[in-house]
Amino acid sequence: MLRTELSERDGQPVYAVTVMNPPGNYNAAFMVRTVLIDGTTGGIVGEVPQVPRTAAPDLAAGGATSGFDGGGLEIRRRSHR
């Protein structure tokens, strides 16, 4: 577990938990992802989609960042659907 942050989804408390896969000889070793955990039941309710940095045209062109700072505001924005 790398980071945990309390957030909200559909008016319910959720924890955005950033985790890293264990090392190993497979493609997803060390992959980092953020899962959403229900604050009441502890069950997994979703996952924050990961967008590769190379997919952002303004980053590839050397421009300013696309508003993603990796912080809590972006996690909350992406968790509300």
N, C-alpha and C. Protein backbone atom coordinates (compact mmCIF):
# COMPACT_ATOMS: atom_id res chain seq x y z
N MET A 1 0.86 -1.16 0.00
CA MET A 1 0.00 0.00 0.00
C MET A 1 0.90 1.23 0.00
N LEU A 2 0.62 2.15 -0.93
CA LEU A 2 1.43 3.34 -1.05
C LEU A 2 0.77 4.57 -0.43
N ARG A 3 -0.57 4.67 -0.59
CA ARG A 3 -1.27 5.85 -0.10
C ARG A 3 -2.74 5.53 0.08
N THR A 4 -3.37 6.16 1.07
CA THR A 4 -4.80 6.01 1.31
C THR A 4 -5.40 7.39 1.50
N GLU A 5 -6.55 7.60 0.89
CA GLU A 5 -7.21 8.89 1.01
C GLU A 5 -8.72 8.69 1.10
N LEU A 6 -9.36 9.36 2.04
CA LEU A 6 -10.81 9.30 2.18
C LEU A 6 -11.44 10.18 1.12
N SER A 7 -12.45 9.64 0.43
CA SER A 7 -13.13 10.37 -0.63
C SER A 7 -14.62 10.08 -0.53
N GLU A 8 -15.36 10.39 -1.59
CA GLU A 8 -16.80 10.17 -1.60
C GLU A 8 -17.22 9.75 -2.99
N ARG A 9 -18.13 8.78 -3.07
CA ARG A 9 -18.67 8.32 -4.35
C ARG A 9 -20.16 8.10 -4.17
N ASP A 10 -20.95 8.77 -4.98
CA ASP A 10 -22.42 8.70 -4.89
C ASP A 10 -22.90 9.01 -3.48
N GLY A 11 -22.26 9.96 -2.82
CA GLY A 11 -22.66 10.37 -1.48
C GLY A 11 -22.21 9.45 -0.36
N GLN A 12 -21.48 8.40 -0.69
CA GLN A 12 -21.01 7.43 0.30
C GLN A 12 -19.50 7.55 0.48
N PRO A 13 -19.01 7.34 1.71
CA PRO A 13 -17.56 7.42 1.92
C PRO A 13 -16.84 6.24 1.27
N VAL A 14 -15.75 6.53 0.59
CA VAL A 14 -14.89 5.50 0.02
C VAL A 14 -13.44 5.88 0.30
N TYR A 15 -12.61 4.89 0.35
CA TYR A 15 -11.18 5.12 0.50
C TYR A 15 -10.52 4.85 -0.85
N ALA A 16 -9.76 5.81 -1.34
CA ALA A 16 -8.96 5.62 -2.55
C ALA A 16 -7.61 5.09 -2.08
N VAL A 17 -7.35 3.82 -2.33
CA VAL A 17 -6.14 3.15 -1.85
C VAL A 17 -5.22 2.88 -3.04
N THR A 18 -4.05 3.49 -3.01
CA THR A 18 -3.07 3.29 -4.07
C THR A 18 -2.14 2.15 -3.65
N VAL A 19 -2.09 1.11 -4.49
CA VAL A 19 -1.31 -0.09 -4.16
C VAL A 19 -0.36 -0.41 -5.31
N MET A 20 0.67 -1.19 -5.00
CA MET A 20 1.61 -1.65 -6.00
C MET A 20 1.62 -3.18 -6.00
N ASN A 21 1.56 -3.78 -7.20
CA ASN A 21 1.65 -5.23 -7.29
C ASN A 21 3.02 -5.70 -6.82
N PRO A 22 3.08 -6.91 -6.29
CA PRO A 22 4.37 -7.43 -5.82
C PRO A 22 5.32 -7.69 -6.98
N PRO A 23 6.62 -7.77 -6.69
CA PRO A 23 7.59 -8.07 -7.74
C PRO A 23 7.42 -9.49 -8.25
N GLY A 24 7.90 -9.72 -9.43
CA GLY A 24 7.81 -11.06 -9.99
C GLY A 24 8.17 -11.05 -11.46
N ASN A 25 8.09 -12.21 -12.06
CA ASN A 25 8.43 -12.36 -13.46
C ASN A 25 7.15 -12.40 -14.30
N TYR A 26 6.39 -11.30 -14.26
CA TYR A 26 5.15 -11.20 -15.02
C TYR A 26 4.95 -9.74 -15.41
N ASN A 27 4.12 -9.47 -16.40
CA ASN A 27 3.98 -8.13 -16.97
C ASN A 27 3.46 -7.09 -15.99
N ALA A 28 2.65 -7.47 -15.04
CA ALA A 28 2.06 -6.49 -14.12
C ALA A 28 2.87 -6.30 -12.84
N ALA A 29 4.09 -6.86 -12.77
CA ALA A 29 4.92 -6.68 -11.58
C ALA A 29 5.18 -5.19 -11.38
N PHE A 30 5.06 -4.74 -10.16
CA PHE A 30 5.29 -3.36 -9.76
C PHE A 30 4.26 -2.38 -10.33
N MET A 31 3.20 -2.86 -10.94
CA MET A 31 2.17 -1.97 -11.47
C MET A 31 1.47 -1.26 -10.31
N VAL A 32 1.25 0.02 -10.46
CA VAL A 32 0.58 0.82 -9.43
C VAL A 32 -0.83 1.12 -9.90
N ARG A 33 -1.81 0.93 -9.02
CA ARG A 33 -3.20 1.24 -9.34
C ARG A 33 -3.90 1.75 -8.09
N THR A 34 -5.02 2.41 -8.31
CA THR A 34 -5.81 2.95 -7.21
C THR A 34 -7.16 2.28 -7.21
N VAL A 35 -7.50 1.60 -6.13
CA VAL A 35 -8.79 0.95 -5.99
C VAL A 35 -9.64 1.73 -4.99
N LEU A 36 -10.95 1.67 -5.17
CA LEU A 36 -11.89 2.36 -4.29
C LEU A 36 -12.51 1.33 -3.36
N ILE A 37 -12.38 1.58 -2.06
CA ILE A 37 -12.88 0.68 -1.04
C ILE A 37 -14.06 1.33 -0.32
N ASP A 38 -15.17 0.62 -0.21
CA ASP A 38 -16.34 1.13 0.50
C ASP A 38 -15.97 1.42 1.95
N GLY A 39 -16.25 2.64 2.41
CA GLY A 39 -15.91 3.04 3.77
C GLY A 39 -16.74 2.35 4.83
N THR A 40 -17.88 1.77 4.47
CA THR A 40 -18.75 1.10 5.43
C THR A 40 -18.50 -0.40 5.48
N THR A 41 -18.46 -1.05 4.31
CA THR A 41 -18.35 -2.50 4.28
C THR A 41 -16.92 -3.02 4.10
N GLY A 42 -16.04 -2.18 3.54
CA GLY A 42 -14.67 -2.62 3.27
C GLY A 42 -14.52 -3.36 1.96
N GLY A 43 -15.60 -3.45 1.18
CA GLY A 43 -15.55 -4.13 -0.11
C GLY A 43 -15.02 -3.23 -1.21
N ILE A 44 -14.45 -3.82 -2.25
CA ILE A 44 -13.95 -3.05 -3.39
C ILE A 44 -15.15 -2.61 -4.23
N VAL A 45 -15.23 -1.31 -4.53
CA VAL A 45 -16.36 -0.77 -5.30
C VAL A 45 -15.94 -0.26 -6.67
N GLY A 46 -14.66 -0.22 -6.95
CA GLY A 46 -14.22 0.26 -8.26
C GLY A 46 -12.73 0.49 -8.30
N GLU A 47 -12.30 1.01 -9.43
CA GLU A 47 -10.89 1.30 -9.63
C GLU A 47 -10.78 2.59 -10.43
N VAL A 48 -9.82 3.42 -10.08
CA VAL A 48 -9.58 4.66 -10.81
C VAL A 48 -8.83 4.29 -12.09
N PRO A 49 -9.37 4.66 -13.25
CA PRO A 49 -8.68 4.31 -14.49
C PRO A 49 -7.33 5.01 -14.59
N GLN A 50 -6.35 4.28 -15.06
CA GLN A 50 -5.00 4.83 -15.23
C GLN A 50 -4.81 5.23 -16.68
N VAL A 51 -4.34 6.44 -16.89
CA VAL A 51 -4.06 6.94 -18.23
C VAL A 51 -2.56 7.08 -18.37
N PRO A 52 -1.96 6.39 -19.33
CA PRO A 52 -0.51 6.53 -19.51
C PRO A 52 -0.13 7.98 -19.80
N ARG A 53 0.95 8.42 -19.23
CA ARG A 53 1.40 9.80 -19.45
C ARG A 53 1.67 10.07 -20.92
N THR A 54 2.11 9.08 -21.67
CA THR A 54 2.40 9.29 -23.09
C THR A 54 1.13 9.49 -23.91
N ALA A 55 -0.03 9.14 -23.33
CA ALA A 55 -1.29 9.30 -24.05
C ALA A 55 -1.79 10.74 -24.00
N ALA A 56 -1.21 11.57 -23.13
CA ALA A 56 -1.64 12.96 -23.01
C ALA A 56 -0.88 13.80 -24.04
N PRO A 57 -1.57 14.34 -25.05
CA PRO A 57 -0.87 15.06 -26.11
C PRO A 57 -0.10 16.28 -25.62
N ASP A 58 -0.62 16.99 -24.62
CA ASP A 58 0.08 18.18 -24.15
C ASP A 58 1.36 17.82 -23.39
N LEU A 59 1.43 16.63 -22.80
CA LEU A 59 2.66 16.22 -22.14
C LEU A 59 3.69 15.76 -23.16
N ALA A 60 3.24 15.09 -24.21
CA ALA A 60 4.16 14.61 -25.23
C ALA A 60 4.79 15.78 -25.97
N ALA A 61 4.06 16.87 -26.09
CA ALA A 61 4.57 18.04 -26.80
C ALA A 61 5.42 18.92 -25.90
N GLY A 62 5.57 18.55 -24.64
CA GLY A 62 6.36 19.35 -23.72
C GLY A 62 5.62 20.52 -23.13
N GLY A 63 4.29 20.51 -23.28
CA GLY A 63 3.47 21.61 -22.77
C GLY A 63 3.19 21.45 -21.28
N ALA A 64 2.26 22.24 -20.81
CA ALA A 64 1.87 22.19 -19.40
C ALA A 64 1.13 20.89 -19.12
N THR A 65 1.03 20.53 -17.86
CA THR A 65 0.33 19.30 -17.49
C THR A 65 -1.15 19.45 -17.77
N SER A 66 -1.83 18.35 -17.92
CA SER A 66 -3.24 18.35 -18.30
C SER A 66 -4.17 18.46 -17.10
N GLY A 67 -3.73 19.02 -16.00
CA GLY A 67 -4.56 19.16 -14.83
C GLY A 67 -4.45 18.00 -13.87
N PHE A 68 -3.74 16.96 -14.21
CA PHE A 68 -3.58 15.82 -13.31
C PHE A 68 -2.32 16.02 -12.49
N ASP A 69 -2.53 16.20 -11.19
CA ASP A 69 -1.38 16.41 -10.31
C ASP A 69 -1.12 15.18 -9.45
N GLY A 70 -1.90 14.11 -9.64
CA GLY A 70 -1.72 12.90 -8.87
C GLY A 70 -2.28 13.02 -7.46
N GLY A 71 -2.93 14.13 -7.16
CA GLY A 71 -3.42 14.36 -5.81
C GLY A 71 -4.88 13.98 -5.63
N GLY A 72 -5.38 14.30 -4.47
CA GLY A 72 -6.71 13.91 -4.06
C GLY A 72 -7.83 14.48 -4.89
N LEU A 73 -7.68 15.72 -5.37
CA LEU A 73 -8.75 16.30 -6.17
C LEU A 73 -8.98 15.51 -7.45
N GLU A 74 -7.91 15.06 -8.08
CA GLU A 74 -8.04 14.27 -9.31
C GLU A 74 -8.64 12.91 -9.00
N ILE A 75 -8.23 12.30 -7.90
CA ILE A 75 -8.78 10.99 -7.53
C ILE A 75 -10.28 11.13 -7.29
N ARG A 76 -10.70 12.18 -6.59
CA ARG A 76 -12.12 12.39 -6.35
C ARG A 76 -12.87 12.64 -7.65
N ARG A 77 -12.28 13.44 -8.56
CA ARG A 77 -12.94 13.73 -9.83
C ARG A 77 -13.13 12.45 -10.62
N ARG A 78 -12.14 11.59 -10.65
CA ARG A 78 -12.22 10.38 -11.44
C ARG A 78 -13.11 9.32 -10.77
N SER A 79 -13.33 9.40 -9.46
CA SER A 79 -14.13 8.39 -8.78
C SER A 79 -15.62 8.70 -8.84
N HIS A 80 -16.01 9.94 -9.18
CA HIS A 80 -17.43 10.29 -9.30
C HIS A 80 -17.88 10.01 -10.72
N ARG A 81 -18.92 9.20 -10.84
CA ARG A 81 -19.40 8.84 -12.19
C ARG A 81 -20.85 9.11 -12.32
